[in-house]
Amino acid sequence: MATAQQIIDSATLKLGLRPQGTTYDSFDSSANNDAFTVLQDLVAQLTADNCLHIPTPSSTTDTLDLYEEQVKDLKSLLARDLMVEFRIAEAGAQLMREISSAEDRLDNDNTISLEVEMPLGFSYKYDVTSDV
């Protein structure tokens, strides 16, 4: 589990947007609000896609009920979305690998179930000569 602010702080540190030892809120509070909005949108989208099952945080102090691996993935995906939001042209190879792995893991967790119900009296006979 982690707070929304901890996830923002980790993602912004990965991108080099803030120095180590500070929170992004204390470093740039207006940009922190923008980053929080991006996080809210990301969580809402992942929940809609059935990749996460948590409510969208309403404040930076909200604790997100996630497994440790999901927190790590969310940090990487937030970094990806912040790159777009803050127009960061490139990121390091290590971060790009983390982002790709996070996308793959959350995609693999998104299972689709399909069930077909047919009436009991249904039958079909295939005729090899006439159904060709």
N, C-alpha and C. Protein backbone atom coordinates (compact mmCIF):
# COMPACT_ATOMS: atom_id res chain seq x y z
N MET A 1 0.84 -1.18 0.00
CA MET A 1 0.00 0.00 0.00
C MET A 1 0.88 1.24 0.00
N ALA A 2 0.37 2.27 -0.63
CA ALA A 2 1.10 3.53 -0.70
C ALA A 2 0.09 4.66 -0.83
N THR A 3 0.51 5.84 -0.44
CA THR A 3 -0.37 6.99 -0.63
C THR A 3 -0.21 7.50 -2.05
N ALA A 4 -1.17 8.27 -2.49
CA ALA A 4 -1.10 8.86 -3.82
C ALA A 4 0.15 9.74 -3.95
N GLN A 5 0.49 10.47 -2.89
CA GLN A 5 1.66 11.34 -2.93
C GLN A 5 2.95 10.53 -3.06
N GLN A 6 3.03 9.39 -2.40
CA GLN A 6 4.22 8.54 -2.51
C GLN A 6 4.40 8.04 -3.94
N ILE A 7 3.30 7.72 -4.59
CA ILE A 7 3.38 7.25 -5.98
C ILE A 7 3.83 8.40 -6.88
N ILE A 8 3.29 9.59 -6.67
CA ILE A 8 3.70 10.77 -7.44
C ILE A 8 5.18 11.06 -7.20
N ASP A 9 5.61 11.01 -5.94
CA ASP A 9 7.01 11.29 -5.62
C ASP A 9 7.95 10.32 -6.31
N SER A 10 7.59 9.05 -6.32
CA SER A 10 8.44 8.05 -6.97
C SER A 10 8.50 8.26 -8.47
N ALA A 11 7.35 8.51 -9.09
CA ALA A 11 7.32 8.71 -10.54
C ALA A 11 8.10 9.96 -10.94
N THR A 12 7.97 11.03 -10.19
CA THR A 12 8.69 12.27 -10.54
C THR A 12 10.18 12.14 -10.29
N LEU A 13 10.56 11.34 -9.32
CA LEU A 13 11.99 11.09 -9.09
C LEU A 13 12.57 10.27 -10.24
N LYS A 14 11.82 9.27 -10.71
CA LYS A 14 12.27 8.45 -11.85
C LYS A 14 12.51 9.32 -13.08
N LEU A 15 11.69 10.36 -13.25
CA LEU A 15 11.80 11.24 -14.41
C LEU A 15 12.80 12.38 -14.21
N GLY A 16 13.35 12.49 -12.99
CA GLY A 16 14.29 13.56 -12.71
C GLY A 16 13.62 14.92 -12.58
N LEU A 17 12.35 14.94 -12.21
CA LEU A 17 11.61 16.19 -12.08
C LEU A 17 11.80 16.85 -10.71
N ARG A 18 12.39 16.14 -9.79
CA ARG A 18 12.63 16.71 -8.45
C ARG A 18 13.89 16.10 -7.87
N PRO A 19 14.55 16.84 -6.97
CA PRO A 19 15.74 16.27 -6.32
C PRO A 19 15.37 15.25 -5.25
N GLN A 20 16.27 14.31 -5.02
CA GLN A 20 16.09 13.31 -3.97
C GLN A 20 15.97 14.01 -2.61
N GLY A 21 15.14 13.48 -1.74
CA GLY A 21 15.01 14.03 -0.40
C GLY A 21 13.92 15.07 -0.25
N THR A 22 13.20 15.39 -1.33
CA THR A 22 12.08 16.32 -1.24
C THR A 22 10.84 15.63 -1.81
N THR A 23 9.68 16.13 -1.41
CA THR A 23 8.46 15.64 -2.05
C THR A 23 8.20 16.53 -3.25
N TYR A 24 7.46 16.02 -4.20
CA TYR A 24 7.17 16.83 -5.38
C TYR A 24 6.25 17.99 -5.01
N ASP A 25 5.40 17.79 -3.99
CA ASP A 25 4.52 18.85 -3.53
C ASP A 25 5.31 20.03 -2.98
N SER A 26 6.36 19.75 -2.20
CA SER A 26 7.17 20.85 -1.65
C SER A 26 8.09 21.45 -2.70
N PHE A 27 8.45 20.66 -3.72
CA PHE A 27 9.33 21.15 -4.77
C PHE A 27 8.58 22.03 -5.78
N ASP A 28 7.38 21.59 -6.19
CA ASP A 28 6.59 22.34 -7.17
C ASP A 28 5.12 21.99 -6.95
N SER A 29 4.45 22.74 -6.07
CA SER A 29 3.09 22.38 -5.66
C SER A 29 2.08 22.46 -6.80
N SER A 30 2.21 23.42 -7.70
CA SER A 30 1.24 23.50 -8.80
C SER A 30 1.41 22.32 -9.76
N ALA A 31 2.65 21.94 -10.05
CA ALA A 31 2.88 20.77 -10.90
C ALA A 31 2.46 19.50 -10.18
N ASN A 32 2.57 19.47 -8.86
CA ASN A 32 2.12 18.32 -8.08
C ASN A 32 0.62 18.12 -8.25
N ASN A 33 -0.12 19.22 -8.27
CA ASN A 33 -1.57 19.12 -8.49
C ASN A 33 -1.86 18.55 -9.88
N ASP A 34 -1.08 18.97 -10.87
CA ASP A 34 -1.25 18.42 -12.22
C ASP A 34 -0.92 16.93 -12.23
N ALA A 35 0.14 16.54 -11.54
CA ALA A 35 0.53 15.13 -11.47
C ALA A 35 -0.55 14.31 -10.77
N PHE A 36 -1.18 14.89 -9.76
CA PHE A 36 -2.24 14.18 -9.05
C PHE A 36 -3.45 13.96 -9.97
N THR A 37 -3.76 14.95 -10.78
CA THR A 37 -4.86 14.79 -11.75
C THR A 37 -4.54 13.68 -12.75
N VAL A 38 -3.29 13.61 -13.19
CA VAL A 38 -2.87 12.55 -14.10
C VAL A 38 -3.01 11.19 -13.41
N LEU A 39 -2.62 11.11 -12.14
CA LEU A 39 -2.75 9.87 -11.38
C LEU A 39 -4.23 9.47 -11.25
N GLN A 40 -5.09 10.43 -10.94
CA GLN A 40 -6.52 10.12 -10.84
C GLN A 40 -7.05 9.55 -12.16
N ASP A 41 -6.67 10.18 -13.26
CA ASP A 41 -7.11 9.71 -14.57
C ASP A 41 -6.58 8.31 -14.86
N LEU A 42 -5.33 8.05 -14.50
CA LEU A 42 -4.71 6.74 -14.72
C LEU A 42 -5.43 5.66 -13.93
N VAL A 43 -5.69 5.92 -12.65
CA VAL A 43 -6.38 4.93 -11.81
C VAL A 43 -7.79 4.68 -12.34
N ALA A 44 -8.48 5.75 -12.74
CA ALA A 44 -9.84 5.59 -13.27
C ALA A 44 -9.82 4.74 -14.55
N GLN A 45 -8.84 4.97 -15.42
CA GLN A 45 -8.75 4.22 -16.66
C GLN A 45 -8.41 2.75 -16.40
N LEU A 46 -7.45 2.50 -15.51
CA LEU A 46 -7.08 1.12 -15.19
C LEU A 46 -8.22 0.37 -14.52
N THR A 47 -9.00 1.07 -13.73
CA THR A 47 -10.16 0.45 -13.08
C THR A 47 -11.23 0.15 -14.13
N ALA A 48 -11.46 1.08 -15.06
CA ALA A 48 -12.44 0.85 -16.12
C ALA A 48 -12.01 -0.31 -17.02
N ASP A 49 -10.70 -0.46 -17.22
CA ASP A 49 -10.18 -1.56 -18.04
C ASP A 49 -10.09 -2.87 -17.27
N ASN A 50 -10.53 -2.86 -16.02
CA ASN A 50 -10.53 -4.05 -15.16
C ASN A 50 -9.13 -4.54 -14.81
N CYS A 51 -8.16 -3.61 -14.80
CA CYS A 51 -6.79 -3.95 -14.41
C CYS A 51 -6.55 -3.70 -12.93
N LEU A 52 -7.27 -2.74 -12.36
CA LEU A 52 -7.20 -2.44 -10.93
C LEU A 52 -8.62 -2.43 -10.38
N HIS A 53 -8.72 -2.64 -9.10
CA HIS A 53 -10.03 -2.63 -8.46
C HIS A 53 -9.97 -1.77 -7.21
N ILE A 54 -9.71 -0.47 -7.43
CA ILE A 54 -9.63 0.47 -6.31
C ILE A 54 -10.38 1.73 -6.69
N PRO A 55 -10.87 2.46 -5.69
CA PRO A 55 -11.50 3.75 -6.01
C PRO A 55 -10.44 4.78 -6.39
N THR A 56 -10.83 5.73 -7.22
CA THR A 56 -9.94 6.80 -7.61
C THR A 56 -9.65 7.66 -6.39
N PRO A 57 -8.38 7.98 -6.11
CA PRO A 57 -8.07 8.80 -4.93
C PRO A 57 -8.65 10.20 -5.06
N SER A 58 -9.12 10.73 -3.93
CA SER A 58 -9.69 12.08 -3.94
C SER A 58 -8.71 13.10 -3.37
N SER A 59 -7.66 12.63 -2.72
CA SER A 59 -6.62 13.54 -2.22
C SER A 59 -5.27 12.83 -2.26
N THR A 60 -4.21 13.61 -2.17
CA THR A 60 -2.86 13.03 -2.23
C THR A 60 -2.54 12.19 -1.00
N THR A 61 -3.30 12.37 0.07
CA THR A 61 -3.04 11.59 1.28
C THR A 61 -3.79 10.27 1.31
N ASP A 62 -4.64 10.03 0.32
CA ASP A 62 -5.38 8.76 0.25
C ASP A 62 -4.42 7.60 0.07
N THR A 63 -4.66 6.53 0.83
CA THR A 63 -3.88 5.31 0.69
C THR A 63 -4.56 4.42 -0.34
N LEU A 64 -3.77 3.96 -1.29
CA LEU A 64 -4.29 3.09 -2.34
C LEU A 64 -4.08 1.65 -1.93
N ASP A 65 -5.14 0.89 -1.89
CA ASP A 65 -5.11 -0.50 -1.44
C ASP A 65 -4.64 -1.39 -2.59
N LEU A 66 -3.31 -1.48 -2.73
CA LEU A 66 -2.70 -2.24 -3.81
C LEU A 66 -1.62 -3.15 -3.26
N TYR A 67 -1.36 -4.23 -4.00
CA TYR A 67 -0.21 -5.07 -3.67
C TYR A 67 1.06 -4.33 -4.03
N GLU A 68 2.16 -4.75 -3.44
CA GLU A 68 3.45 -4.08 -3.67
C GLU A 68 3.81 -4.03 -5.16
N GLU A 69 3.56 -5.12 -5.87
CA GLU A 69 3.87 -5.16 -7.31
C GLU A 69 2.99 -4.18 -8.08
N GLN A 70 1.72 -4.06 -7.68
CA GLN A 70 0.82 -3.11 -8.34
C GLN A 70 1.25 -1.67 -8.09
N VAL A 71 1.74 -1.39 -6.89
CA VAL A 71 2.25 -0.04 -6.58
C VAL A 71 3.42 0.28 -7.49
N LYS A 72 4.33 -0.67 -7.63
CA LYS A 72 5.49 -0.49 -8.51
C LYS A 72 5.04 -0.23 -9.96
N ASP A 73 4.07 -1.01 -10.42
CA ASP A 73 3.57 -0.84 -11.78
C ASP A 73 2.89 0.52 -11.95
N LEU A 74 2.12 0.93 -10.96
CA LEU A 74 1.42 2.21 -11.03
C LEU A 74 2.42 3.38 -11.08
N LYS A 75 3.50 3.27 -10.34
CA LYS A 75 4.54 4.30 -10.37
C LYS A 75 5.15 4.42 -11.76
N SER A 76 5.42 3.30 -12.39
CA SER A 76 6.00 3.31 -13.73
C SER A 76 5.02 3.87 -14.76
N LEU A 77 3.76 3.46 -14.67
CA LEU A 77 2.77 3.95 -15.62
C LEU A 77 2.48 5.43 -15.41
N LEU A 78 2.54 5.89 -14.17
CA LEU A 78 2.38 7.32 -13.91
C LEU A 78 3.55 8.08 -14.52
N ALA A 79 4.75 7.55 -14.40
CA ALA A 79 5.92 8.19 -15.02
C ALA A 79 5.70 8.31 -16.53
N ARG A 80 5.18 7.25 -17.15
CA ARG A 80 4.89 7.29 -18.60
C ARG A 80 3.90 8.41 -18.93
N ASP A 81 2.82 8.50 -18.15
CA ASP A 81 1.81 9.51 -18.42
C ASP A 81 2.32 10.92 -18.12
N LEU A 82 3.19 11.05 -17.12
CA LEU A 82 3.76 12.36 -16.81
C LEU A 82 4.72 12.82 -17.90
N MET A 83 5.36 11.87 -18.57
CA MET A 83 6.23 12.23 -19.69
C MET A 83 5.43 12.96 -20.76
N VAL A 84 4.23 12.48 -21.00
CA VAL A 84 3.36 13.12 -21.99
C VAL A 84 2.86 14.46 -21.46
N GLU A 85 2.39 14.46 -20.22
CA GLU A 85 1.83 15.68 -19.61
C GLU A 85 2.84 16.82 -19.54
N PHE A 86 4.07 16.49 -19.16
CA PHE A 86 5.09 17.52 -18.97
C PHE A 86 6.04 17.61 -20.17
N ARG A 87 5.67 16.96 -21.27
CA ARG A 87 6.41 17.02 -22.54
C ARG A 87 7.90 16.69 -22.38
N ILE A 88 8.14 15.57 -21.73
CA ILE A 88 9.51 15.08 -21.57
C ILE A 88 9.81 14.23 -22.80
N ALA A 89 10.83 14.63 -23.52
CA ALA A 89 11.11 14.00 -24.82
C ALA A 89 11.60 12.57 -24.70
N GLU A 90 12.46 12.29 -23.75
CA GLU A 90 13.00 10.94 -23.65
C GLU A 90 13.26 10.56 -22.21
N ALA A 91 13.27 9.27 -21.98
CA ALA A 91 13.57 8.73 -20.65
C ALA A 91 14.63 7.67 -20.82
N GLY A 92 15.26 7.31 -19.73
CA GLY A 92 16.31 6.30 -19.76
C GLY A 92 15.78 4.93 -20.16
N ALA A 93 16.70 4.10 -20.62
CA ALA A 93 16.34 2.75 -21.06
C ALA A 93 15.75 1.93 -19.91
N GLN A 94 16.30 2.09 -18.71
CA GLN A 94 15.80 1.35 -17.55
C GLN A 94 14.34 1.69 -17.27
N LEU A 95 14.01 2.98 -17.30
CA LEU A 95 12.62 3.39 -17.06
C LEU A 95 11.70 2.87 -18.15
N MET A 96 12.15 2.89 -19.38
CA MET A 96 11.32 2.39 -20.48
C MET A 96 11.06 0.88 -20.33
N ARG A 97 12.05 0.13 -19.85
CA ARG A 97 11.85 -1.30 -19.58
C ARG A 97 10.84 -1.49 -18.46
N GLU A 98 10.93 -0.67 -17.40
CA GLU A 98 9.99 -0.76 -16.29
C GLU A 98 8.57 -0.47 -16.76
N ILE A 99 8.41 0.54 -17.60
CA ILE A 99 7.10 0.91 -18.11
C ILE A 99 6.52 -0.23 -18.95
N SER A 100 7.33 -0.80 -19.82
CA SER A 100 6.88 -1.90 -20.66
C SER A 100 6.48 -3.11 -19.82
N SER A 101 7.27 -3.42 -18.81
CA SER A 101 6.95 -4.56 -17.94
C SER A 101 5.66 -4.30 -17.17
N ALA A 102 5.48 -3.08 -16.70
CA ALA A 102 4.27 -2.74 -15.95
C ALA A 102 3.04 -2.88 -16.83
N GLU A 103 3.13 -2.39 -18.07
CA GLU A 103 2.01 -2.53 -19.00
C GLU A 103 1.68 -3.99 -19.24
N ASP A 104 2.71 -4.81 -19.45
CA ASP A 104 2.50 -6.24 -19.71
C ASP A 104 1.85 -6.94 -18.51
N ARG A 105 2.36 -6.65 -17.31
CA ARG A 105 1.81 -7.31 -16.12
C ARG A 105 0.35 -6.93 -15.90
N LEU A 106 0.02 -5.65 -16.02
CA LEU A 106 -1.37 -5.25 -15.80
C LEU A 106 -2.27 -5.77 -16.90
N ASP A 107 -1.77 -5.86 -18.12
CA ASP A 107 -2.54 -6.43 -19.22
C ASP A 107 -2.81 -7.90 -18.99
N ASN A 108 -1.80 -8.64 -18.50
CA ASN A 108 -1.96 -10.07 -18.25
C ASN A 108 -2.92 -10.34 -17.11
N ASP A 109 -3.04 -9.38 -16.18
CA ASP A 109 -3.97 -9.55 -15.07
C ASP A 109 -5.40 -9.30 -15.50
N ASN A 110 -5.59 -8.72 -16.66
CA ASN A 110 -6.92 -8.38 -17.16
C ASN A 110 -7.49 -9.60 -17.87
N THR A 111 -8.23 -10.41 -17.14
CA THR A 111 -8.77 -11.64 -17.71
C THR A 111 -10.18 -11.40 -18.25
N ILE A 112 -10.48 -12.05 -19.32
CA ILE A 112 -11.80 -11.95 -19.93
C ILE A 112 -12.47 -13.31 -19.82
N SER A 113 -13.69 -13.30 -19.38
CA SER A 113 -14.44 -14.53 -19.22
C SER A 113 -15.60 -14.52 -20.21
N LEU A 114 -15.79 -15.63 -20.90
CA LEU A 114 -16.87 -15.74 -21.87
C LEU A 114 -17.65 -17.01 -21.56
N GLU A 115 -18.95 -16.85 -21.46
CA GLU A 115 -19.80 -17.99 -21.16
C GLU A 115 -20.95 -18.00 -22.16
N VAL A 116 -21.22 -19.15 -22.73
CA VAL A 116 -22.30 -19.29 -23.70
C VAL A 116 -23.30 -20.29 -23.15
N GLU A 117 -24.57 -19.89 -23.11
CA GLU A 117 -25.62 -20.79 -22.66
C GLU A 117 -26.44 -21.22 -23.86
N MET A 118 -26.68 -22.50 -23.98
CA MET A 118 -27.48 -23.03 -25.07
C MET A 118 -28.60 -23.87 -24.49
N PRO A 119 -29.75 -23.85 -25.13
CA PRO A 119 -30.86 -24.68 -24.62
C PRO A 119 -30.49 -26.16 -24.70
N LEU A 120 -31.03 -26.92 -23.78
CA LEU A 120 -30.70 -28.35 -23.70
C LEU A 120 -31.14 -29.12 -24.95
N GLY A 121 -32.21 -28.72 -25.59
CA GLY A 121 -32.73 -29.46 -26.73
C GLY A 121 -32.05 -29.12 -28.05
N PHE A 122 -31.03 -28.30 -28.03
CA PHE A 122 -30.37 -27.89 -29.27
C PHE A 122 -29.47 -28.99 -29.79
N SER A 123 -29.58 -29.28 -31.09
CA SER A 123 -28.65 -30.22 -31.70
C SER A 123 -28.43 -29.79 -33.14
N TYR A 124 -27.31 -30.15 -33.67
CA TYR A 124 -26.98 -29.81 -35.05
C TYR A 124 -26.31 -31.01 -35.68
N LYS A 125 -26.75 -31.34 -36.85
CA LYS A 125 -26.18 -32.46 -37.57
C LYS A 125 -25.49 -31.90 -38.80
N TYR A 126 -24.27 -32.20 -38.96
CA TYR A 126 -23.47 -31.72 -40.09
C TYR A 126 -23.53 -32.76 -41.20
N ASP A 127 -23.95 -32.32 -42.39
CA ASP A 127 -24.02 -33.23 -43.55
C ASP A 127 -22.85 -32.90 -44.46
N VAL A 128 -21.94 -33.83 -44.60
CA VAL A 128 -20.70 -33.60 -45.33
C VAL A 128 -20.98 -33.26 -46.79
N THR A 129 -21.96 -33.87 -47.40
CA THR A 129 -22.18 -33.64 -48.83
C THR A 129 -22.92 -32.35 -49.14
N SER A 130 -23.90 -31.97 -48.34
CA SER A 130 -24.68 -30.77 -48.67
C SER A 130 -24.13 -29.49 -48.03
N ASP A 131 -23.29 -29.55 -47.00
CA ASP A 131 -22.77 -28.37 -46.32
C ASP A 131 -21.40 -27.95 -46.83
N VAL A 132 -21.00 -28.44 -47.97
CA VAL A 132 -19.68 -28.11 -48.49
C VAL A 132 -19.65 -26.73 -49.08
